[in-house]
Amino acid sequence: SIRQHQGAWLQIRLAFTGMGCCFSSGELQGGLSAPKELSAKVSKLAHSRLRRLRELDETTKIPFILIELTGEGDGEGEIEVCGKNEYGVYEALDEFFLTQWGCTKLDPGDLSDNTKIPFCSAQYRWDGFRAQGTEGLNNMGKSTMQVIDYVAGQLSWTLAMVNGGNVGEVGEVRETQIVFKAPHPMNLVAPHMMVEMRSAGYIEVCCDLDDENRGVLDIIDSYFRDRFKAEQMDGHEDFCDRYYKTSDNVFKGTSGSSESNFNLLVTDVCDKIVKINGWSLVSANSGNYGEQGMHSEQQLLFRKDYHPLGDTSYT
């Protein structure tokens, strides 16, 4: 029941609090608590609570998986996978990350008392994260789309949500969580596209479209040139599929200020793309980076549903 899930999760939170893994006020600068050594008693308690959650999870009928990408710096990243191993998805992801991305498999721990507390079911060292300069250029968006193209386009899992954010002193550490739910055969033919906007004056497009669907790129190219006075720039293939530099006076104000027009422009982009036949917004996430979080960035994830039901989305 929901009450059982909430009770078990509360017990996990209490166990982690005992380990010093939660925030407290005033102990360190920034309100962080000092790290504490994990006692055997607390470790055993946490493992016990996690085993109870596993038992509750086995009663669910619709499988979900979560893939979290973390970019800590150029060439420094980590991947975590959580969720049920249905339809051989863990084995498929293992091959993908090891052979295509060149990752190194790590030990995530397990539910036995003599291991570290597991925060995921599979864990990888990812050296393929790329970041350059101080204006937010990175390949997190392109990497996210590669995962989506593989899990949805080849394994047929349904993209449910993409959630991301920035941490670190100037928002330089990027995290993205990609959630998929039970497979559906229509995912094998439904293309996805990501548009990433940065208030520093850049727009990125990441996609893997066949000839039948590439017309959308020409439409938004014309739109970016007209609405944002943008110019497409070459030499950024490692970071995205199309890279645009906007006019200097398009994005106004700093993040969160009353002068900022960033949210207005994001909505304008969304409105433009969802009016293109078949395309709909699946997920959106945003973050801040730069000194005092002065810059905003937004990822918009779209899917084209051109199945027998017409323009009606099937999710």
Protein backbone atom coordinates (compact mmCIF):
# COMPACT_ATOMS: atom_id res chain seq x y z
CA SER A 1 0.00 0.00 0.00
CA ILE A 2 1.01 3.62 -0.30
CA ARG A 3 1.16 3.90 3.48
CA GLN A 4 3.53 0.91 3.65
CA HIS A 5 5.80 2.46 0.99
CA GLN A 6 5.83 5.79 2.81
CA GLY A 7 6.60 4.10 6.13
CA ALA A 8 9.48 2.10 4.70
CA TRP A 9 10.90 5.13 2.94
CA LEU A 10 10.70 7.18 6.14
CA GLN A 11 12.65 4.48 7.94
CA ILE A 12 15.34 4.63 5.22
CA ARG A 13 15.52 8.42 5.64
CA LEU A 14 15.94 7.99 9.40
CA ALA A 15 18.67 5.42 8.86
CA PHE A 16 20.58 7.74 6.53
CA THR A 17 20.13 10.59 9.01
CA GLY A 18 21.88 8.44 11.57
CA MET A 19 24.77 8.05 9.13
CA GLY A 20 25.16 11.80 8.75
CA CYS A 21 24.03 11.67 5.11
CA CYS A 22 21.38 14.38 5.45
CA PHE A 23 21.69 18.13 5.73
CA SER A 24 21.76 19.91 9.06
CA SER A 25 22.09 23.56 9.89
CA GLY A 26 25.26 25.37 10.78
CA GLU A 27 27.83 22.63 11.24
CA LEU A 28 29.77 23.53 8.11
CA GLN A 29 29.75 26.48 5.74
CA GLY A 30 26.74 26.22 3.47
CA GLY A 31 24.66 24.32 6.02
CA LEU A 32 26.23 20.89 5.39
CA SER A 33 26.82 18.39 8.14
CA ALA A 34 30.28 16.95 8.62
CA PRO A 35 30.74 13.39 7.29
CA LYS A 36 30.49 10.66 9.90
CA GLU A 37 31.86 7.15 9.87
CA LEU A 38 29.20 4.54 9.17
CA SER A 39 28.60 2.23 12.12
CA ALA A 40 27.89 -1.45 11.64
CA LYS A 41 24.56 -1.05 13.41
CA VAL A 42 23.32 1.69 11.09
CA SER A 43 24.59 -0.15 8.02
CA LYS A 44 22.67 -3.25 9.02
CA LEU A 45 19.54 -1.19 9.66
CA ALA A 46 19.76 0.51 6.25
CA HIS A 47 20.26 -2.80 4.45
CA SER A 48 17.25 -4.23 6.28
CA ARG A 49 15.06 -1.29 5.22
CA LEU A 50 16.23 -1.60 1.62
CA ARG A 51 15.34 -5.28 1.58
CA ARG A 52 11.84 -4.38 2.74
CA LEU A 53 11.54 -1.85 -0.05
CA ARG A 54 12.65 -4.52 -2.53
CA GLU A 55 9.84 -6.78 -1.30
CA LEU A 56 7.33 -3.98 -1.78
CA ASP A 57 8.69 -3.22 -5.22
CA GLU A 58 8.14 -6.81 -6.30
CA THR A 59 4.38 -6.24 -5.96
CA THR A 60 4.32 -3.52 -8.64
CA LYS A 61 3.13 -4.51 -12.10
CA ILE A 62 4.49 -1.83 -14.44
CA PRO A 63 8.31 -1.80 -14.56
CA PHE A 64 10.31 1.44 -14.51
CA ILE A 65 14.04 2.01 -14.88
CA LEU A 66 16.02 5.13 -14.06
CA ILE A 67 19.37 5.96 -15.66
CA GLU A 68 21.29 8.80 -14.03
CA LEU A 69 24.17 10.49 -15.84
CA THR A 70 26.53 12.67 -13.80
CA GLY A 71 29.20 14.87 -15.37
CA GLU A 72 31.67 16.14 -12.79
CA GLY A 73 34.21 17.63 -15.19
CA ASP A 74 35.74 17.10 -18.60
CA GLY A 75 36.43 13.36 -18.88
CA GLU A 76 34.94 12.67 -15.46
CA GLY A 77 31.49 11.14 -15.16
CA GLU A 78 29.44 8.41 -13.53
CA ILE A 79 26.34 6.42 -14.48
CA GLU A 80 23.84 4.76 -12.15
CA VAL A 81 20.93 2.47 -13.07
CA CYS A 82 17.97 1.69 -10.82
CA GLY A 83 14.77 -0.28 -11.31
CA LYS A 84 13.55 -3.73 -12.22
CA ASN A 85 15.56 -5.91 -14.54
CA GLU A 86 12.70 -6.74 -16.87
CA TYR A 87 13.15 -7.95 -20.46
CA GLY A 88 16.92 -8.19 -20.01
CA VAL A 89 17.31 -4.41 -19.86
CA TYR A 90 20.27 -4.50 -17.44
CA GLU A 91 22.21 -6.86 -19.67
CA ALA A 92 21.48 -4.68 -22.71
CA LEU A 93 22.55 -1.51 -20.88
CA ASP A 94 25.67 -3.22 -19.62
CA GLU A 95 26.72 -4.04 -23.18
CA PHE A 96 25.84 -0.53 -24.37
CA PHE A 97 27.81 1.30 -21.68
CA LEU A 98 30.82 -1.02 -21.81
CA THR A 99 31.19 -1.49 -25.56
CA GLN A 100 29.75 1.68 -27.12
CA TRP A 101 30.61 4.22 -24.42
CA GLY A 102 33.78 2.56 -23.11
CA CYS A 103 32.66 2.77 -19.48
CA THR A 104 34.17 0.87 -16.57
CA LYS A 105 31.84 -1.21 -14.45
CA LEU A 106 31.88 -0.46 -10.70
CA ASP A 107 30.60 -2.34 -7.67
CA PRO A 108 27.31 -0.75 -6.53
CA GLY A 109 27.01 -2.93 -3.43
CA ASP A 110 24.03 -5.18 -2.71
CA LEU A 111 21.47 -5.92 -0.02
CA SER A 112 23.64 -8.23 2.07
CA ASP A 113 24.77 -6.75 5.37
CA ASN A 114 28.50 -7.03 4.69
CA THR A 115 28.56 -4.72 1.64
CA LYS A 116 28.38 -0.97 1.21
CA ILE A 117 24.88 0.48 1.15
CA PRO A 118 23.71 0.41 -2.48
CA PHE A 119 22.35 3.62 -3.97
CA CYS A 120 21.70 1.92 -7.33
CA SER A 121 21.61 -1.52 -8.95
CA ALA A 122 24.33 -0.94 -11.56
CA GLN A 123 27.13 1.63 -11.56
CA TYR A 124 29.73 2.71 -14.14
CA ARG A 125 32.67 5.05 -14.43
CA TRP A 126 32.02 7.27 -17.47
CA ASP A 127 35.00 9.02 -19.03
CA GLY A 128 32.97 10.24 -22.01
CA PHE A 129 31.52 13.36 -20.42
CA ARG A 130 32.83 16.48 -22.14
CA ALA A 131 32.77 20.08 -20.93
CA GLN A 132 34.51 23.10 -22.41
CA GLY A 133 34.85 26.76 -21.53
CA THR A 134 32.84 28.78 -19.03
CA GLU A 135 29.61 29.29 -20.97
CA GLY A 136 28.06 25.89 -20.28
CA LEU A 137 29.19 23.92 -23.33
CA ASN A 138 28.97 20.18 -22.58
CA ASN A 139 27.73 16.94 -24.11
CA MET A 140 25.15 15.99 -21.48
CA GLY A 141 22.28 16.68 -23.87
CA LYS A 142 23.79 14.62 -26.67
CA SER A 143 24.62 11.78 -24.29
CA THR A 144 21.07 11.85 -22.93
CA MET A 145 19.70 11.54 -26.45
CA GLN A 146 22.01 8.62 -27.22
CA VAL A 147 20.61 6.78 -24.20
CA ILE A 148 17.05 7.60 -25.25
CA ASP A 149 17.64 6.51 -28.85
CA TYR A 150 18.99 3.19 -27.61
CA VAL A 151 16.56 2.37 -24.78
CA ALA A 152 13.44 3.65 -26.56
CA GLY A 153 14.38 3.22 -30.21
CA GLN A 154 16.02 -0.21 -29.93
CA LEU A 155 14.80 -1.75 -26.67
CA SER A 156 11.28 -0.23 -27.07
CA TRP A 157 11.02 1.16 -23.52
CA THR A 158 8.78 4.22 -23.20
CA LEU A 159 10.40 7.52 -22.23
CA ALA A 160 8.53 8.84 -19.20
CA MET A 161 10.59 11.79 -17.96
CA VAL A 162 13.95 13.53 -18.12
CA ASN A 163 15.00 15.47 -15.03
CA GLY A 164 18.24 17.39 -14.68
CA GLY A 165 20.03 19.98 -12.62
CA ASN A 166 23.32 21.64 -11.73
CA VAL A 167 25.41 21.40 -8.60
CA GLY A 168 28.93 22.50 -7.71
CA GLU A 169 30.28 25.94 -6.87
CA VAL A 170 29.26 27.46 -10.23
CA GLY A 171 26.85 24.80 -11.46
CA GLU A 172 29.58 23.01 -13.36
CA VAL A 173 28.50 19.53 -12.22
CA ARG A 174 25.53 18.31 -14.24
CA GLU A 175 23.13 15.52 -13.39
CA THR A 176 20.43 14.05 -15.61
CA GLN A 177 17.91 11.38 -14.67
CA ILE A 178 16.15 9.55 -17.50
CA VAL A 179 13.11 7.50 -16.53
CA PHE A 180 11.60 4.81 -18.77
CA LYS A 181 8.52 2.70 -18.23
CA ALA A 182 7.25 -0.58 -19.67
CA PRO A 183 8.15 -1.28 -23.32
CA HIS A 184 5.73 -0.53 -26.14
CA PRO A 185 6.35 -1.49 -29.78
CA MET A 186 5.46 1.99 -31.06
CA ASN A 187 8.64 3.33 -29.46
CA LEU A 188 10.64 1.58 -32.16
CA VAL A 189 9.35 4.09 -34.74
CA ALA A 190 8.82 7.23 -32.63
CA PRO A 191 11.75 9.68 -33.01
CA HIS A 192 12.89 12.03 -30.27
CA MET A 193 14.57 15.42 -30.38
CA MET A 194 16.10 17.64 -27.71
CA VAL A 195 16.46 21.42 -27.84
CA GLU A 196 18.74 22.93 -25.21
CA MET A 197 18.75 26.68 -24.60
CA ARG A 198 21.36 28.60 -22.62
CA SER A 199 20.94 32.23 -21.65
CA ALA A 200 24.63 32.79 -22.33
CA GLY A 201 23.45 32.96 -25.95
CA TYR A 202 23.41 29.43 -27.35
CA ILE A 203 20.93 26.85 -28.62
CA GLU A 204 21.75 23.19 -29.18
CA VAL A 205 19.77 20.52 -31.03
CA CYS A 206 20.38 16.81 -30.44
CA CYS A 207 18.56 14.13 -32.42
CA ASP A 208 18.92 11.00 -34.53
CA LEU A 209 16.32 11.42 -37.27
CA ASP A 210 15.84 9.46 -40.46
CA ASP A 211 15.25 11.16 -43.81
CA GLU A 212 11.49 11.06 -43.33
CA ASN A 213 11.65 13.21 -40.21
CA ARG A 214 14.63 15.49 -40.84
CA GLY A 215 12.36 18.20 -42.24
CA VAL A 216 11.72 19.42 -38.71
CA LEU A 217 15.36 20.56 -38.54
CA ASP A 218 14.86 22.90 -41.48
CA ILE A 219 11.73 24.35 -39.88
CA ILE A 220 13.37 25.12 -36.55
CA ASP A 221 16.54 26.32 -38.30
CA SER A 222 14.52 28.99 -40.07
CA TYR A 223 12.73 29.81 -36.82
CA PHE A 224 15.97 30.20 -34.84
CA ARG A 225 17.42 32.51 -37.47
CA ASP A 226 14.30 34.67 -37.46
CA ARG A 227 13.32 34.69 -33.78
CA PHE A 228 16.78 34.57 -32.19
CA LYS A 229 18.87 36.05 -35.02
CA ALA A 230 20.93 32.87 -34.58
CA GLU A 231 23.76 31.55 -36.72
CA GLN A 232 24.66 27.88 -36.96
CA MET A 233 28.25 27.19 -35.94
CA ASP A 234 30.43 24.28 -37.05
CA GLY A 235 32.92 22.31 -34.99
CA HIS A 236 30.68 21.25 -32.11
CA GLU A 237 29.83 17.70 -33.23
CA ASP A 238 31.16 16.23 -29.99
CA PHE A 239 28.60 18.24 -28.02
CA CYS A 240 25.45 18.30 -30.15
CA ASP A 241 24.12 17.79 -33.68
CA ARG A 242 23.40 21.46 -34.39
CA TYR A 243 24.88 24.41 -32.51
CA TYR A 244 23.59 27.99 -32.74
CA LYS A 245 24.91 31.31 -31.45
CA THR A 246 22.14 33.82 -30.88
CA SER A 247 22.30 37.57 -31.23
CA ASP A 248 23.77 39.31 -28.19
CA ASN A 249 20.58 41.13 -27.28
CA VAL A 250 18.12 38.22 -27.47
CA PHE A 251 18.42 36.88 -23.92
CA LYS A 252 17.87 39.65 -21.41
CA GLY A 253 18.56 39.88 -17.67
CA THR A 254 20.18 37.37 -15.32
CA SER A 255 18.59 34.18 -14.09
CA GLY A 256 15.71 34.82 -11.71
CA SER A 257 15.71 38.60 -12.18
CA SER A 258 12.62 40.55 -13.16
CA GLU A 259 14.41 41.59 -16.37
CA SER A 260 14.94 38.00 -17.54
CA ASN A 261 12.97 36.90 -20.60
CA PHE A 262 14.37 33.37 -20.59
CA ASN A 263 11.13 31.60 -19.64
CA LEU A 264 9.23 33.55 -22.28
CA LEU A 265 11.66 32.45 -24.99
CA VAL A 266 11.57 28.83 -23.79
CA THR A 267 7.77 28.85 -24.05
CA ASP A 268 8.02 30.38 -27.52
CA VAL A 269 10.30 27.55 -28.69
CA CYS A 270 7.98 24.94 -27.21
CA ASP A 271 4.92 26.49 -28.87
CA LYS A 272 6.70 26.52 -32.22
CA ILE A 273 7.72 22.87 -32.18
CA VAL A 274 4.47 21.37 -30.87
CA LYS A 275 2.64 23.07 -33.76
CA ILE A 276 4.69 20.97 -36.19
CA ASN A 277 2.61 17.99 -37.23
CA GLY A 278 3.02 15.03 -34.86
CA TRP A 279 5.55 16.54 -32.42
CA SER A 280 4.71 16.86 -28.72
CA LEU A 281 6.58 17.87 -25.58
CA VAL A 282 7.55 14.87 -23.44
CA SER A 283 9.66 16.46 -20.72
CA ALA A 284 11.48 19.63 -19.72
CA ASN A 285 14.12 20.42 -17.12
CA SER A 286 16.23 23.44 -16.25
CA GLY A 287 19.22 24.54 -14.22
CA ASN A 288 21.50 27.46 -13.42
CA TYR A 289 25.25 27.87 -13.78
CA GLY A 290 27.94 30.54 -13.67
CA GLU A 291 28.89 32.89 -10.88
CA GLN A 292 25.94 33.15 -8.46
CA GLY A 293 23.86 31.11 -10.93
CA MET A 294 23.57 34.05 -13.33
CA HIS A 295 22.89 31.89 -16.41
CA SER A 296 19.88 29.68 -17.11
CA GLU A 297 19.74 26.54 -19.21
CA GLN A 298 16.70 24.58 -20.34
CA GLN A 299 16.28 21.21 -22.04
CA LEU A 300 13.10 20.51 -24.00
CA LEU A 301 12.52 16.89 -25.06
CA PHE A 302 10.08 16.25 -27.92
CA ARG A 303 8.72 13.07 -29.52
CA LYS A 304 6.91 12.55 -32.81
CA ASP A 305 3.92 10.24 -32.53
CA TYR A 306 3.05 9.31 -36.10
CA HIS A 307 1.42 5.97 -35.38
CA PRO A 308 -2.01 4.68 -36.56
CA LEU A 309 -3.79 6.81 -33.95
CA GLY A 310 -2.72 9.93 -35.81
CA ASP A 311 -1.52 12.92 -33.83
CA THR A 312 -2.93 11.63 -30.54
CA SER A 313 -0.16 10.81 -28.10
CA TYR A 314 -0.27 7.23 -26.83
CA THR A 315 1.16 8.04 -23.37
